[in-house]
């Protein structure tokens, strides 16, 4: 990696990569700022974002000079899972990039992973193959962190066309660039224009057009291009105070106003110092007596504090022409440590289905299901050794495609029928067990009533 100042270019290369990658460090820093901002926007991992990378490709070199964010609606949650609307928007962005100049072509895409490591999931690879099919197009995955620098990794098609998605061949750290220096407004060396990517207050790039230089003619008239605008050179601008009111020109009035302002500021400083001293005194007393009040206060506040679960599954679902693709994070600790899992699917008014997943199937991170209704509720439950079950549940809403292919694979039909029979049998067993339980409760109640009557009768005889 090579980094420099404001206009520096970073370089990335790996022996397995058939081309070299260069990028503007300022562009990647702008992307990093947006990723970190989204990371802190929500608790427990924030939101994941993405977009397309723009630049130039030629002679075995990829040069990233700009980017364009994708306005993901996050229909299935905070992860960067593209809905049908997001996919349409991404298709429009890539089609528009084809009409750009050679220096602003779509080189690939980027997205962040906030709950998993740097890799390309099967869903990510599907997006890459569908929207970025060229052999030279790349993918960039960024991993933000709360206390550590943001890391990144590039992914590419190798010479045989395959993509190594398990990990990047070479991860790198995105250095934090300093804030752009602002030139003086009337400085002698002030530039005639600002950089193309001017950093805005929200961390994104804002484009500002250069202003044409002003000049003066022989009469002292300021000119901009062909248009002339006369400005009196001897005009005096009245002084203003902090409230925007004109300051009197007389020296005595100015001195009086200055003294008033100084007295007000002094009184405010005295009050601030008093409150600070009072706060320090109260803090010292509280610290000295913490053994008497801290345990009781902590016990009362602990139930009110938000609890963040230690386990997550990152369950999500996307639709492809009526085929519901269910995904979870196969690298999550709860998945890696799980012995087995159960996928519960409620498809509209149909009977619920329970699919058992062994460790190998959990490691794939995906399951496909042909939905029949507009709403499908999905729940994934995994069992950890010597731990509580971890469960996540999502709901998918969407119209069923009208031209969905009705032909069904015989193997899938057989598996579905078997699952339906199993679910029906489990329901019958549950109903039967519930009936037996109710009968036992009734018999127990009758026996208890009889024993109470007998005890009362025996007690009456003893009294006689």
Foldseek 3Di string as FASTA:
>chain_A
DDDDAQQGKDWDDDPQDQAIEIEGLVQVLLVQLVQVVQQPPDPPGGAKWKWFFWFADDDRYHYTYHTDTQPAPQPWHRYPDHAPVSVVSLLVVQVVQVPDDNGTHGQEMEMEDRQDDQFQAPRNVVCCCPRPVDQRRKYKYWYPDDPDFIKMAIWGQGPVRDIGGPHHPDMDGSDNHDQDDDDDPPDPPHDQADDQFHQDPSSHGDGDDGAADWDADPVRWIDGPPDTDRDDPPDDDFDADPVRHGQDPDPVSNVVVVVVVVVVVVVVVVVVVVVVVVVVVVVVVCVVCVVPPVVVVCVVCVVVDDDDDPFDWQWGWYDDLQKIKIFTDLRTPLLQQFQWKWKWKDAPPDQIFIDIGGSVRSNSGIDIDRGDAQKMKIKMWTDGVVDDIDMDITMGGDGRDPPRDPDDDPVVVVVVVVRVVVSVVVVVVVVVVVVVVVVVVVVVVVVVVVVVVVVVVVVVVVVD
